[in-house]
Amino acid sequence: MTDVAIPLVFTDAAANKVKNLVADEENPDLKLRVYITGGGCSGFQYGFTFDEKINDGDLTIEKNGVSLVVDPMSLQYLIGGTVDYTEGLEGSRFIVNNPNASTTCGCGSSFSI
């Protein structure tokens, strides 16, 4: 049996933050959903939300007892990327490190291909 390559990395830092937020909400059905929308200063923008549902075609990555969910349309822009969580001078936030982005903006939440 061969290992299936995971097209998106869900870091321990991100998974642990999701785990803490899910515990705070007291709803174990919550999953972190990452998605791409049009807009932002570079053409596309990353979005994060909590969702109880997994839709047909969604990719689900489980780590540390929590799940990251990505819809198929967004996944095509995220393949090879990393969903991480950072705390720093810019505040605390989930981020995407995306090798497919040709340019990004200063805020780090907008990109172009």
PDB file of N, CA and C in Angstrom:
ATOM      1  N   MET A   1       0.846  -1.175   0.000  1.00  0.00           N
ATOM      2  CA  MET A   1       0.000   0.000   0.000  1.00  0.00           C
ATOM      3  C   MET A   1       0.893   1.239   0.000  1.00  0.00           C
ATOM      4  N   THR A   2       0.580   2.198  -0.857  1.00  0.00           N
ATOM      5  CA  THR A   2       1.398   3.402  -0.960  1.00  0.00           C
ATOM      6  C   THR A   2       0.793   4.530  -0.146  1.00  0.00           C
ATOM      7  N   ASP A   3       1.659   5.401   0.334  1.00  0.00           N
ATOM      8  CA  ASP A   3       1.191   6.571   1.065  1.00  0.00           C
ATOM      9  C   ASP A   3       0.647   7.587   0.078  1.00  0.00           C
ATOM     10  N   VAL A   4      -0.473   8.193   0.410  1.00  0.00           N
ATOM     11  CA  VAL A   4      -1.047   9.237  -0.421  1.00  0.00           C
ATOM     12  C   VAL A   4      -0.440  10.563   0.021  1.00  0.00           C
ATOM     13  N   ALA A   5       0.101  11.296  -0.926  1.00  0.00           N
ATOM     14  CA  ALA A   5       0.706  12.589  -0.602  1.00  0.00           C
ATOM     15  C   ALA A   5      -0.392  13.578  -0.212  1.00  0.00           C
ATOM     16  N   ILE A   6      -0.180  14.282   0.867  1.00  0.00           N
ATOM     17  CA  ILE A   6      -1.118  15.309   1.300  1.00  0.00           C
ATOM     18  C   ILE A   6      -0.752  16.599   0.573  1.00  0.00           C
ATOM     19  N   PRO A   7      -1.704  17.186  -0.167  1.00  0.00           N
ATOM     20  CA  PRO A   7      -1.382  18.338  -0.999  1.00  0.00           C
ATOM     21  C   PRO A   7      -1.213  19.651  -0.234  1.00  0.00           C
ATOM     22  N   LEU A   8      -1.514  19.639   1.058  1.00  0.00           N
ATOM     23  CA  LEU A   8      -1.463  20.851   1.861  1.00  0.00           C
ATOM     24  C   LEU A   8      -0.989  20.479   3.264  1.00  0.00           C
ATOM     25  N   VAL A   9      -0.051  21.240   3.804  1.00  0.00           N
ATOM     26  CA  VAL A   9       0.481  20.961   5.135  1.00  0.00           C
ATOM     27  C   VAL A   9      -0.318  21.744   6.178  1.00  0.00           C
ATOM     28  N   PHE A  10      -0.718  21.068   7.231  1.00  0.00           N
ATOM     29  CA  PHE A  10      -1.436  21.647   8.369  1.00  0.00           C
ATOM     30  C   PHE A  10      -0.469  21.542   9.539  1.00  0.00           C
ATOM     31  N   THR A  11       0.146  22.655   9.949  1.00  0.00           N
ATOM     32  CA  THR A  11       1.202  22.607  10.956  1.00  0.00           C
ATOM     33  C   THR A  11       0.672  22.293  12.347  1.00  0.00           C
ATOM     34  N   ASP A  12       1.580  21.828  13.214  1.00  0.00           N
ATOM     35  CA  ASP A  12       1.214  21.579  14.613  1.00  0.00           C
ATOM     36  C   ASP A  12       0.717  22.852  15.274  1.00  0.00           C
ATOM     37  N   ALA A  13       1.366  23.985  14.991  1.00  0.00           N
ATOM     38  CA  ALA A  13       0.962  25.260  15.609  1.00  0.00           C
ATOM     39  C   ALA A  13      -0.479  25.600  15.238  1.00  0.00           C
ATOM     40  N   ALA A  14      -0.835  25.422  13.957  1.00  0.00           N
ATOM     41  CA  ALA A  14      -2.198  25.711  13.518  1.00  0.00           C
ATOM     42  C   ALA A  14      -3.185  24.727  14.134  1.00  0.00           C
ATOM     43  N   ALA A  15      -2.830  23.446  14.130  1.00  0.00           N
ATOM     44  CA  ALA A  15      -3.725  22.427  14.684  1.00  0.00           C
ATOM     45  C   ALA A  15      -3.958  22.660  16.171  1.00  0.00           C
ATOM     46  N   ASN A  16      -2.904  22.996  16.900  1.00  0.00           N
ATOM     47  CA  ASN A  16      -3.053  23.235  18.343  1.00  0.00           C
ATOM     48  C   ASN A  16      -3.917  24.457  18.623  1.00  0.00           C
ATOM     49  N   LYS A  17      -3.800  25.510  17.802  1.00  0.00           N
ATOM     50  CA  LYS A  17      -4.643  26.690  17.983  1.00  0.00           C
ATOM     51  C   LYS A  17      -6.098  26.345  17.690  1.00  0.00           C
ATOM     52  N   VAL A  18      -6.336  25.578  16.624  1.00  0.00           N
ATOM     53  CA  VAL A  18      -7.700  25.143  16.315  1.00  0.00           C
ATOM     54  C   VAL A  18      -8.256  24.338  17.485  1.00  0.00           C
ATOM     55  N   LYS A  19      -7.439  23.442  18.026  1.00  0.00           N
ATOM     56  CA  LYS A  19      -7.872  22.611  19.159  1.00  0.00           C
ATOM     57  C   LYS A  19      -8.296  23.484  20.347  1.00  0.00           C
ATOM     58  N   ASN A  20      -7.505  24.520  20.645  1.00  0.00           N
ATOM     59  CA  ASN A  20      -7.845  25.430  21.746  1.00  0.00           C
ATOM     60  C   ASN A  20      -9.124  26.211  21.457  1.00  0.00           C
ATOM     61  N   LEU A  21      -9.289  26.694  20.224  1.00  0.00           N
ATOM     62  CA  LEU A  21     -10.481  27.468  19.864  1.00  0.00           C
ATOM     63  C   LEU A  21     -11.732  26.594  19.881  1.00  0.00           C
ATOM     64  N   VAL A  22     -11.611  25.361  19.400  1.00  0.00           N
ATOM     65  CA  VAL A  22     -12.742  24.432  19.422  1.00  0.00           C
ATOM     66  C   VAL A  22     -13.144  24.131  20.867  1.00  0.00           C
ATOM     67  N   ALA A  23     -12.151  23.948  21.734  1.00  0.00           N
ATOM     68  CA  ALA A  23     -12.437  23.700  23.154  1.00  0.00           C
ATOM     69  C   ALA A  23     -13.138  24.903  23.780  1.00  0.00           C
ATOM     70  N   ASP A  24     -12.697  26.116  23.429  1.00  0.00           N
ATOM     71  CA  ASP A  24     -13.330  27.335  23.949  1.00  0.00           C
ATOM     72  C   ASP A  24     -14.789  27.431  23.517  1.00  0.00           C
ATOM     73  N   GLU A  25     -15.071  27.003  22.287  1.00  0.00           N
ATOM     74  CA  GLU A  25     -16.443  27.052  21.759  1.00  0.00           C
ATOM     75  C   GLU A  25     -17.296  25.888  22.265  1.00  0.00           C
ATOM     76  N   GLU A  26     -16.649  24.885  22.851  1.00  0.00           N
ATOM     77  CA  GLU A  26     -17.326  23.695  23.356  1.00  0.00           C
ATOM     78  C   GLU A  26     -18.163  23.013  22.275  1.00  0.00           C
ATOM     79  N   ASN A  27     -17.618  22.980  21.052  1.00  0.00           N
ATOM     80  CA  ASN A  27     -18.295  22.322  19.939  1.00  0.00           C
ATOM     81  C   ASN A  27     -17.266  21.477  19.182  1.00  0.00           C
ATOM     82  N   PRO A  28     -17.159  20.191  19.513  1.00  0.00           N
ATOM     83  CA  PRO A  28     -16.145  19.338  18.896  1.00  0.00           C
ATOM     84  C   PRO A  28     -16.363  19.097  17.402  1.00  0.00           C
ATOM     85  N   ASP A  29     -17.516  19.502  16.854  1.00  0.00           N
ATOM     86  CA  ASP A  29     -17.786  19.312  15.426  1.00  0.00           C
ATOM     87  C   ASP A  29     -17.160  20.401  14.557  1.00  0.00           C
ATOM     88  N   LEU A  30     -16.614  21.455  15.168  1.00  0.00           N
ATOM     89  CA  LEU A  30     -16.041  22.547  14.389  1.00  0.00           C
ATOM     90  C   LEU A  30     -14.742  22.126  13.710  1.00  0.00           C
ATOM     91  N   LYS A  31     -14.590  22.584  12.459  1.00  0.00           N
ATOM     92  CA  LYS A  31     -13.386  22.346  11.669  1.00  0.00           C
ATOM     93  C   LYS A  31     -12.926  23.690  11.123  1.00  0.00           C
ATOM     94  N   LEU A  32     -11.617  23.858  10.954  1.00  0.00           N
ATOM     95  CA  LEU A  32     -11.107  25.079  10.345  1.00  0.00           C
ATOM     96  C   LEU A  32     -11.218  24.935   8.834  1.00  0.00           C
ATOM     97  N   ARG A  33     -11.915  25.869   8.200  1.00  0.00           N
ATOM     98  CA  ARG A  33     -12.040  25.878   6.743  1.00  0.00           C
ATOM     99  C   ARG A  33     -11.184  27.011   6.201  1.00  0.00           C
ATOM    100  N   VAL A  34     -10.302  26.672   5.256  1.00  0.00           N
ATOM    101  CA  VAL A  34      -9.520  27.680   4.549  1.00  0.00           C
ATOM    102  C   VAL A  34     -10.070  27.752   3.134  1.00  0.00           C
ATOM    103  N   TYR A  35     -10.205  28.975   2.608  1.00  0.00           N
ATOM    104  CA  TYR A  35     -10.779  29.139   1.281  1.00  0.00           C
ATOM    105  C   TYR A  35     -10.143  30.337   0.579  1.00  0.00           C
ATOM    106  N   ILE A  36     -10.342  30.392  -0.720  1.00  0.00           N
ATOM    107  CA  ILE A  36      -9.831  31.473  -1.549  1.00  0.00           C
ATOM    108  C   ILE A  36     -11.026  32.243  -2.098  1.00  0.00           C
ATOM    109  N   THR A  37     -10.947  33.570  -2.054  1.00  0.00           N
ATOM    110  CA  THR A  37     -11.971  34.404  -2.678  1.00  0.00           C
ATOM    111  C   THR A  37     -11.272  35.410  -3.588  1.00  0.00           C
ATOM    112  N   GLY A  38     -12.024  35.938  -4.526  1.00  0.00           N
ATOM    113  CA  GLY A  38     -11.502  37.012  -5.358  1.00  0.00           C
ATOM    114  C   GLY A  38     -11.447  38.285  -4.537  1.00  0.00           C
ATOM    115  N   GLY A  39     -10.486  39.139  -4.851  1.00  0.00           N
ATOM    116  CA  GLY A  39     -10.395  40.406  -4.135  1.00  0.00           C
ATOM    117  C   GLY A  39      -9.059  40.568  -3.457  1.00  0.00           C
ATOM    118  N   GLY A  40      -8.998  41.483  -2.530  1.00  0.00           N
ATOM    119  CA  GLY A  40      -7.725  41.790  -1.887  1.00  0.00           C
ATOM    120  C   GLY A  40      -6.894  42.652  -2.824  1.00  0.00           C
ATOM    121  N   CYS A  41      -5.768  43.103  -2.363  1.00  0.00           N
ATOM    122  CA  CYS A  41      -4.953  44.016  -3.159  1.00  0.00           C
ATOM    123  C   CYS A  41      -4.154  43.306  -4.237  1.00  0.00           C
ATOM    124  N   SER A  42      -4.109  41.978  -4.243  1.00  0.00           N
ATOM    125  CA  SER A  42      -3.331  41.257  -5.249  1.00  0.00           C
ATOM    126  C   SER A  42      -4.170  40.343  -6.142  1.00  0.00           C
ATOM    127  N   GLY A  43      -5.473  40.324  -5.995  1.00  0.00           N
ATOM    128  CA  GLY A  43      -6.326  39.522  -6.879  1.00  0.00           C
ATOM    129  C   GLY A  43      -7.084  38.400  -6.205  1.00  0.00           C
ATOM    130  N   PHE A  44      -6.413  37.674  -5.315  1.00  0.00           N
ATOM    131  CA  PHE A  44      -7.061  36.614  -4.544  1.00  0.00           C
ATOM    132  C   PHE A  44      -6.800  36.864  -3.072  1.00  0.00           C
ATOM    133  N   GLN A  45      -7.672  36.329  -2.243  1.00  0.00           N
ATOM    134  CA  GLN A  45      -7.534  36.536  -0.808  1.00  0.00           C
ATOM    135  C   GLN A  45      -7.815  35.236  -0.065  1.00  0.00           C
ATOM    136  N   TYR A  46      -7.027  34.982   0.990  1.00  0.00           N
ATOM    137  CA  TYR A  46      -7.261  33.813   1.837  1.00  0.00           C
ATOM    138  C   TYR A  46      -8.334  34.146   2.858  1.00  0.00           C
ATOM    139  N   GLY A  47      -9.145  33.146   3.182  1.00  0.00           N
ATOM    140  CA  GLY A  47     -10.126  33.303   4.236  1.00  0.00           C
ATOM    141  C   GLY A  47     -10.109  32.089   5.145  1.00  0.00           C
ATOM    142  N   PHE A  48     -10.443  32.317   6.393  1.00  0.00           N
ATOM    143  CA  PHE A  48     -10.534  31.243   7.380  1.00  0.00           C
ATOM    144  C   PHE A  48     -11.856  31.381   8.113  1.00  0.00           C
ATOM    145  N   THR A  49     -12.522  30.256   8.345  1.00  0.00           N
ATOM    146  CA  THR A  49     -13.752  30.261   9.119  1.00  0.00           C
ATOM    147  C   THR A  49     -13.883  28.909   9.810  1.00  0.00           C
ATOM    148  N   PHE A  50     -14.743  28.836  10.796  1.00  0.00           N
ATOM    149  CA  PHE A  50     -15.041  27.555  11.419  1.00  0.00           C
ATOM    150  C   PHE A  50     -16.337  27.041  10.838  1.00  0.00           C
ATOM    151  N   ASP A  51     -16.374  25.757  10.551  1.00  0.00           N
ATOM    152  CA  ASP A  51     -17.504  25.136   9.879  1.00  0.00           C
ATOM    153  C   ASP A  51     -17.773  23.786  10.532  1.00  0.00           C
ATOM    154  N   GLU A  52     -19.043  23.432  10.665  1.00  0.00           N
ATOM    155  CA  GLU A  52     -19.399  22.119  11.203  1.00  0.00           C
ATOM    156  C   GLU A  52     -19.535  21.081  10.105  1.00  0.00           C
ATOM    157  N   LYS A  53     -19.709  21.540   8.860  1.00  0.00           N
ATOM    158  CA  LYS A  53     -19.993  20.616   7.760  1.00  0.00           C
ATOM    159  C   LYS A  53     -18.754  20.327   6.926  1.00  0.00           C
ATOM    160  N   ILE A  54     -18.748  19.144   6.351  1.00  0.00           N
ATOM    161  CA  ILE A  54     -17.794  18.791   5.305  1.00  0.00           C
ATOM    162  C   ILE A  54     -18.639  18.565   4.062  1.00  0.00           C
ATOM    163  N   ASN A  55     -18.374  19.312   3.010  1.00  0.00           N
ATOM    164  CA  ASN A  55     -19.147  19.214   1.778  1.00  0.00           C
ATOM    165  C   ASN A  55     -18.537  18.167   0.846  1.00  0.00           C
ATOM    166  N   ASP A  56     -19.334  17.695  -0.098  1.00  0.00           N
ATOM    167  CA  ASP A  56     -18.841  16.737  -1.092  1.00  0.00           C
ATOM    168  C   ASP A  56     -17.644  17.333  -1.813  1.00  0.00           C
ATOM    169  N   GLY A  57     -16.575  16.575  -1.930  1.00  0.00           N
ATOM    170  CA  GLY A  57     -15.393  17.036  -2.636  1.00  0.00           C
ATOM    171  C   GLY A  57     -14.373  17.750  -1.770  1.00  0.00           C
ATOM    172  N   ASP A  58     -14.740  18.098  -0.546  1.00  0.00           N
ATOM    173  CA  ASP A  58     -13.799  18.783   0.346  1.00  0.00           C
ATOM    174  C   ASP A  58     -12.630  17.875   0.712  1.00  0.00           C
ATOM    175  N   LEU A  59     -11.449  18.447   0.793  1.00  0.00           N
ATOM    176  CA  LEU A  59     -10.291  17.748   1.335  1.00  0.00           C
ATOM    177  C   LEU A  59     -10.302  17.974   2.845  1.00  0.00           C
ATOM    178  N   THR A  60     -10.119  16.910   3.613  1.00  0.00           N
ATOM    179  CA  THR A  60     -10.042  17.019   5.066  1.00  0.00           C
ATOM    180  C   THR A  60      -8.686  16.498   5.512  1.00  0.00           C
ATOM    181  N   ILE A  61      -7.979  17.307   6.285  1.00  0.00           N
ATOM    182  CA  ILE A  61      -6.702  16.902   6.863  1.00  0.00           C
ATOM    183  C   ILE A  61      -6.865  16.917   8.367  1.00  0.00           C
ATOM    184  N   GLU A  62      -6.622  15.773   9.000  1.00  0.00           N
ATOM    185  CA  GLU A  62      -6.751  15.677  10.450  1.00  0.00           C
ATOM    186  C   GLU A  62      -5.383  15.697  11.101  1.00  0.00           C
ATOM    187  N   LYS A  63      -5.294  16.443  12.199  1.00  0.00           N
ATOM    188  CA  LYS A  63      -4.045  16.502  12.963  1.00  0.00           C
ATOM    189  C   LYS A  63      -4.382  16.887  14.397  1.00  0.00           C
ATOM    190  N   ASN A  64      -3.761  16.202  15.339  1.00  0.00           N
ATOM    191  CA  ASN A  64      -3.927  16.500  16.771  1.00  0.00           C
ATOM    192  C   ASN A  64      -5.399  16.536  17.198  1.00  0.00           C
ATOM    193  N   GLY A  65      -6.227  15.710  16.556  1.00  0.00           N
ATOM    194  CA  GLY A  65      -7.631  15.608  16.956  1.00  0.00           C
ATOM    195  C   GLY A  65      -8.548  16.659  16.370  1.00  0.00           C
ATOM    196  N   VAL A  66      -8.047  17.493  15.444  1.00  0.00           N
ATOM    197  CA  VAL A  66      -8.885  18.505  14.798  1.00  0.00           C
ATOM    198  C   VAL A  66      -8.728  18.387  13.277  1.00  0.00           C
ATOM    199  N   SER A  67      -9.623  19.072  12.551  1.00  0.00           N
ATOM    200  CA  SER A  67      -9.625  18.948  11.098  1.00  0.00           C
ATOM    201  C   SER A  67      -9.498  20.293  10.410  1.00  0.00           C
ATOM    202  N   LEU A  68      -8.791  20.269   9.288  1.00  0.00           N
ATOM    203  CA  LEU A  68      -8.707  21.383   8.346  1.00  0.00           C
ATOM    204  C   LEU A  68      -9.471  20.942   7.115  1.00  0.00           C
ATOM    205  N   VAL A  69     -10.338  21.807   6.588  1.00  0.00           N
ATOM    206  CA  VAL A  69     -11.178  21.477   5.446  1.00  0.00           C
ATOM    207  C   VAL A  69     -10.941  22.505   4.344  1.00  0.00           C
ATOM    208  N   VAL A  70     -10.820  22.015   3.102  1.00  0.00           N
ATOM    209  CA  VAL A  70     -10.618  22.895   1.945  1.00  0.00           C
ATOM    210  C   VAL A  70     -11.528  22.435   0.810  1.00  0.00           C
ATOM    211  N   ASP A  71     -12.244  23.377   0.199  1.00  0.00           N
ATOM    212  CA  ASP A  71     -13.087  23.030  -0.937  1.00  0.00           C
ATOM    213  C   ASP A  71     -12.223  22.823  -2.185  1.00  0.00           C
ATOM    214  N   PRO A  72     -12.720  22.056  -3.179  1.00  0.00           N
ATOM    215  CA  PRO A  72     -11.902  21.722  -4.346  1.00  0.00           C
ATOM    216  C   PRO A  72     -11.447  22.941  -5.149  1.00  0.00           C
ATOM    217  N   MET A  73     -12.268  23.976  -5.260  1.00  0.00           N
ATOM    218  CA  MET A  73     -11.900  25.162  -6.026  1.00  0.00           C
ATOM    219  C   MET A  73     -10.718  25.881  -5.367  1.00  0.00           C
ATOM    220  N   SER A  74     -10.770  26.016  -4.050  1.00  0.00           N
ATOM    221  CA  SER A  74      -9.678  26.673  -3.326  1.00  0.00           C
ATOM    222  C   SER A  74      -8.417  25.825  -3.320  1.00  0.00           C
ATOM    223  N   LEU A  75      -8.589  24.503  -3.232  1.00  0.00           N
ATOM    224  CA  LEU A  75      -7.443  23.609  -3.135  1.00  0.00           C
ATOM    225  C   LEU A  75      -6.502  23.751  -4.330  1.00  0.00           C
ATOM    226  N   GLN A  76      -7.048  23.979  -5.519  1.00  0.00           N
ATOM    227  CA  GLN A  76      -6.188  24.078  -6.704  1.00  0.00           C
ATOM    228  C   GLN A  76      -5.186  25.229  -6.587  1.00  0.00           C
ATOM    229  N   TYR A  77      -5.503  26.251  -5.801  1.00  0.00           N
ATOM    230  CA  TYR A  77      -4.582  27.364  -5.595  1.00  0.00           C
ATOM    231  C   TYR A  77      -3.648  27.149  -4.403  1.00  0.00           C
ATOM    232  N   LEU A  78      -3.938  26.132  -3.596  1.00  0.00           N
ATOM    233  CA  LEU A  78      -3.203  25.921  -2.348  1.00  0.00           C
ATOM    234  C   LEU A  78      -2.270  24.715  -2.369  1.00  0.00           C
ATOM    235  N   ILE A  79      -2.294  23.926  -3.444  1.00  0.00           N
ATOM    236  CA  ILE A  79      -1.487  22.702  -3.489  1.00  0.00           C
ATOM    237  C   ILE A  79      -0.016  23.025  -3.241  1.00  0.00           C
ATOM    238  N   GLY A  80       0.574  22.279  -2.314  1.00  0.00           N
ATOM    239  CA  GLY A  80       1.973  22.488  -1.957  1.00  0.00           C
ATOM    240  C   GLY A  80       2.176  23.544  -0.881  1.00  0.00           C
ATOM    241  N   GLY A  81       1.089  24.156  -0.437  1.00  0.00           N
ATOM    242  CA  GLY A  81       1.184  25.216   0.561  1.00  0.00           C
ATOM    243  C   GLY A  81       1.124  24.689   1.985  1.00  0.00           C
ATOM    244  N   THR A  82       1.213  25.624   2.922  1.00  0.00           N
ATOM    245  CA  THR A  82       1.201  25.312   4.345  1.00  0.00           C
ATOM    246  C   THR A  82       0.233  26.243   5.058  1.00  0.00           C
ATOM    247  N   VAL A  83      -0.643  25.668   5.876  1.00  0.00           N
ATOM    248  CA  VAL A  83      -1.507  26.459   6.752  1.00  0.00           C
ATOM    249  C   VAL A  83      -0.852  26.456   8.122  1.00  0.00           C
ATOM    250  N   ASP A  84      -0.547  27.652   8.616  1.00  0.00           N
ATOM    251  CA  ASP A  84       0.198  27.800   9.861  1.00  0.00           C
ATOM    252  C   ASP A  84      -0.505  28.813  10.745  1.00  0.00           C
ATOM    253  N   TYR A  85      -0.032  28.918  11.967  1.00  0.00           N
ATOM    254  CA  TYR A  85      -0.529  29.905  12.915  1.00  0.00           C
ATOM    255  C   TYR A  85       0.673  30.640  13.483  1.00  0.00           C
ATOM    256  N   THR A  86       0.585  31.954  13.537  1.00  0.00           N
ATOM    257  CA  THR A  86       1.708  32.740  14.013  1.00  0.00           C
ATOM    258  C   THR A  86       1.257  33.789  15.021  1.00  0.00           C
ATOM    259  N   GLU A  87       2.138  34.083  15.946  1.00  0.00           N
ATOM    260  CA  GLU A  87       1.933  35.169  16.908  1.00  0.00           C
ATOM    261  C   GLU A  87       3.149  36.059  16.826  1.00  0.00           C
ATOM    262  N   GLY A  88       2.937  37.342  16.544  1.00  0.00           N
ATOM    263  CA  GLY A  88       4.060  38.254  16.414  1.00  0.00           C
ATOM    264  C   GLY A  88       3.606  39.698  16.467  1.00  0.00           C
ATOM    265  N   LEU A  89       4.440  40.573  15.935  1.00  0.00           N
ATOM    266  CA  LEU A  89       4.144  42.000  15.951  1.00  0.00           C
ATOM    267  C   LEU A  89       2.872  42.337  15.188  1.00  0.00           C
ATOM    268  N   GLU A  90       2.560  41.536  14.163  1.00  0.00           N
ATOM    269  CA  GLU A  90       1.358  41.773  13.366  1.00  0.00           C
ATOM    270  C   GLU A  90       0.117  41.173  14.008  1.00  0.00           C
ATOM    271  N   GLY A  91       0.255  40.606  15.189  1.00  0.00           N
ATOM    272  CA  GLY A  91      -0.871  39.987  15.874  1.00  0.00           C
ATOM    273  C   GLY A  91      -0.852  38.487  15.707  1.00  0.00           C
ATOM    274  N   SER A  92      -1.884  37.847  16.201  1.00  0.00           N
ATOM    275  CA  SER A  92      -2.024  36.394  16.126  1.00  0.00           C
ATOM    276  C   SER A  92      -2.974  36.068  14.993  1.00  0.00           C
ATOM    277  N   ARG A  93      -2.559  35.134  14.124  1.00  0.00           N
ATOM    278  CA  ARG A  93      -3.422  34.824  12.991  1.00  0.00           C
ATOM    279  C   ARG A  93      -3.004  33.526  12.323  1.00  0.00           C
ATOM    280  N   PHE A  94      -3.969  32.948  11.610  1.00  0.00           N
ATOM    281  CA  PHE A  94      -3.676  31.839  10.726  1.00  0.00           C
ATOM    282  C   PHE A  94      -3.106  32.430   9.447  1.00  0.00           C
ATOM    283  N   ILE A  95      -2.111  31.759   8.861  1.00  0.00           N
ATOM    284  CA  ILE A  95      -1.506  32.229   7.625  1.00  0.00           C
ATOM    285  C   ILE A  95      -1.361  31.068   6.645  1.00  0.00           C
ATOM    286  N   VAL A  96      -1.225  31.407   5.376  1.00  0.00           N
ATOM    287  CA  VAL A  96      -0.952  30.418   4.337  1.00  0.00           C
ATOM    288  C   VAL A  96       0.378  30.775   3.698  1.00  0.00           C
ATOM    289  N   ASN A  97       1.293  29.821   3.685  1.00  0.00           N
ATOM    290  CA  ASN A  97       2.531  29.953   2.920  1.00  0.00           C
ATOM    291  C   ASN A  97       2.288  29.211   1.618  1.00  0.00           C
ATOM    292  N   ASN A  98       2.205  29.961   0.517  1.00  0.00           N
ATOM    293  CA  ASN A  98       1.754  29.402  -0.745  1.00  0.00           C
ATOM    294  C   ASN A  98       2.830  29.525  -1.825  1.00  0.00           C
ATOM    295  N   PRO A  99       3.416  28.397  -2.249  1.00  0.00           N
ATOM    296  CA  PRO A  99       4.451  28.457  -3.289  1.00  0.00           C
ATOM    297  C   PRO A  99       3.891  28.801  -4.666  1.00  0.00           C
ATOM    298  N   ASN A 100       2.568  28.743  -4.830  1.00  0.00           N
ATOM    299  CA  ASN A 100       1.937  29.048  -6.112  1.00  0.00           C
ATOM    300  C   ASN A 100       1.738  30.541  -6.332  1.00  0.00           C
ATOM    301  N   ALA A 101       1.849  31.327  -5.268  1.00  0.00           N
ATOM    302  CA  ALA A 101       1.627  32.767  -5.385  1.00  0.00           C
ATOM    303  C   ALA A 101       2.839  33.433  -6.024  1.00  0.00           C
ATOM    304  N   SER A 102       2.596  34.179  -7.090  1.00  0.00           N
ATOM    305  CA  SER A 102       3.705  34.884  -7.742  1.00  0.00           C
ATOM    306  C   SER A 102       3.991  36.209  -7.047  1.00  0.00           C
ATOM    307  N   THR A 103       2.958  36.829  -6.494  1.00  0.00           N
ATOM    308  CA  THR A 103       3.143  38.044  -5.697  1.00  0.00           C
ATOM    309  C   THR A 103       2.200  37.979  -4.507  1.00  0.00           C
ATOM    310  N   THR A 104       2.598  38.624  -3.428  1.00  0.00           N
ATOM    311  CA  THR A 104       1.738  38.735  -2.247  1.00  0.00           C
ATOM    312  C   THR A 104       1.741  40.191  -1.810  1.00  0.00           C
ATOM    313  N   CYS A 105       0.814  40.512  -0.926  1.00  0.00           N
ATOM    314  CA  CYS A 105       0.773  41.880  -0.430  1.00  0.00           C
ATOM    315  C   CYS A 105       1.402  41.933   0.956  1.00  0.00           C
ATOM    316  N   GLY A 106       1.552  43.117   1.490  1.00  0.00           N
ATOM    317  CA  GLY A 106       2.179  43.295   2.794  1.00  0.00           C
ATOM    318  C   GLY A 106       1.434  42.635   3.943  1.00  0.00           C
ATOM    319  N   CYS A 107       0.111  42.534   3.819  1.00  0.00           N
ATOM    320  CA  CYS A 107      -0.679  41.956   4.913  1.00  0.00           C
ATOM    321  C   CYS A 107      -0.581  40.435   4.935  1.00  0.00           C
ATOM    322  N   GLY A 108      -0.133  39.844   3.819  1.00  0.00           N
ATOM    323  CA  GLY A 108       0.038  38.398   3.773  1.00  0.00           C
ATOM    324  C   GLY A 108      -1.234  37.616   3.542  1.00  0.00           C
ATOM    325  N   SER A 109      -2.367  38.295   3.357  1.00  0.00           N
ATOM    326  CA  SER A 109      -3.610  37.559   3.152  1.00  0.00           C
ATOM    327  C   SER A 109      -4.108  37.681   1.718  1.00  0.00           C
ATOM    328  N   SER A 110      -3.338  38.328   0.854  1.00  0.00           N
ATOM    329  CA  SER A 110      -3.738  38.509  -0.532  1.00  0.00           C
ATOM    330  C   SER A 110      -2.574  38.081  -1.430  1.00  0.00           C
ATOM    331  N   PHE A 111      -2.913  37.528  -2.615  1.00  0.00           N
ATOM    332  CA  PHE A 111      -1.866  37.030  -3.508  1.00  0.00           C
ATOM    333  C   PHE A 111      -2.363  37.020  -4.941  1.00  0.00           C
ATOM    334  N   SER A 112      -1.441  36.833  -5.871  1.00  0.00           N
ATOM    335  CA  SER A 112      -1.783  36.607  -7.270  1.00  0.00           C
ATOM    336  C   SER A 112      -1.012  35.410  -7.793  1.00  0.00           C
ATOM    337  N   ILE A 113      -1.508  34.837  -8.871  1.00  0.00           N
ATOM    338  CA  ILE A 113      -0.876  33.641  -9.457  1.00  0.00           C
ATOM    339  C   ILE A 113      -0.163  34.055 -10.734  1.00  0.00           C
TER     340      ILE A 113
END
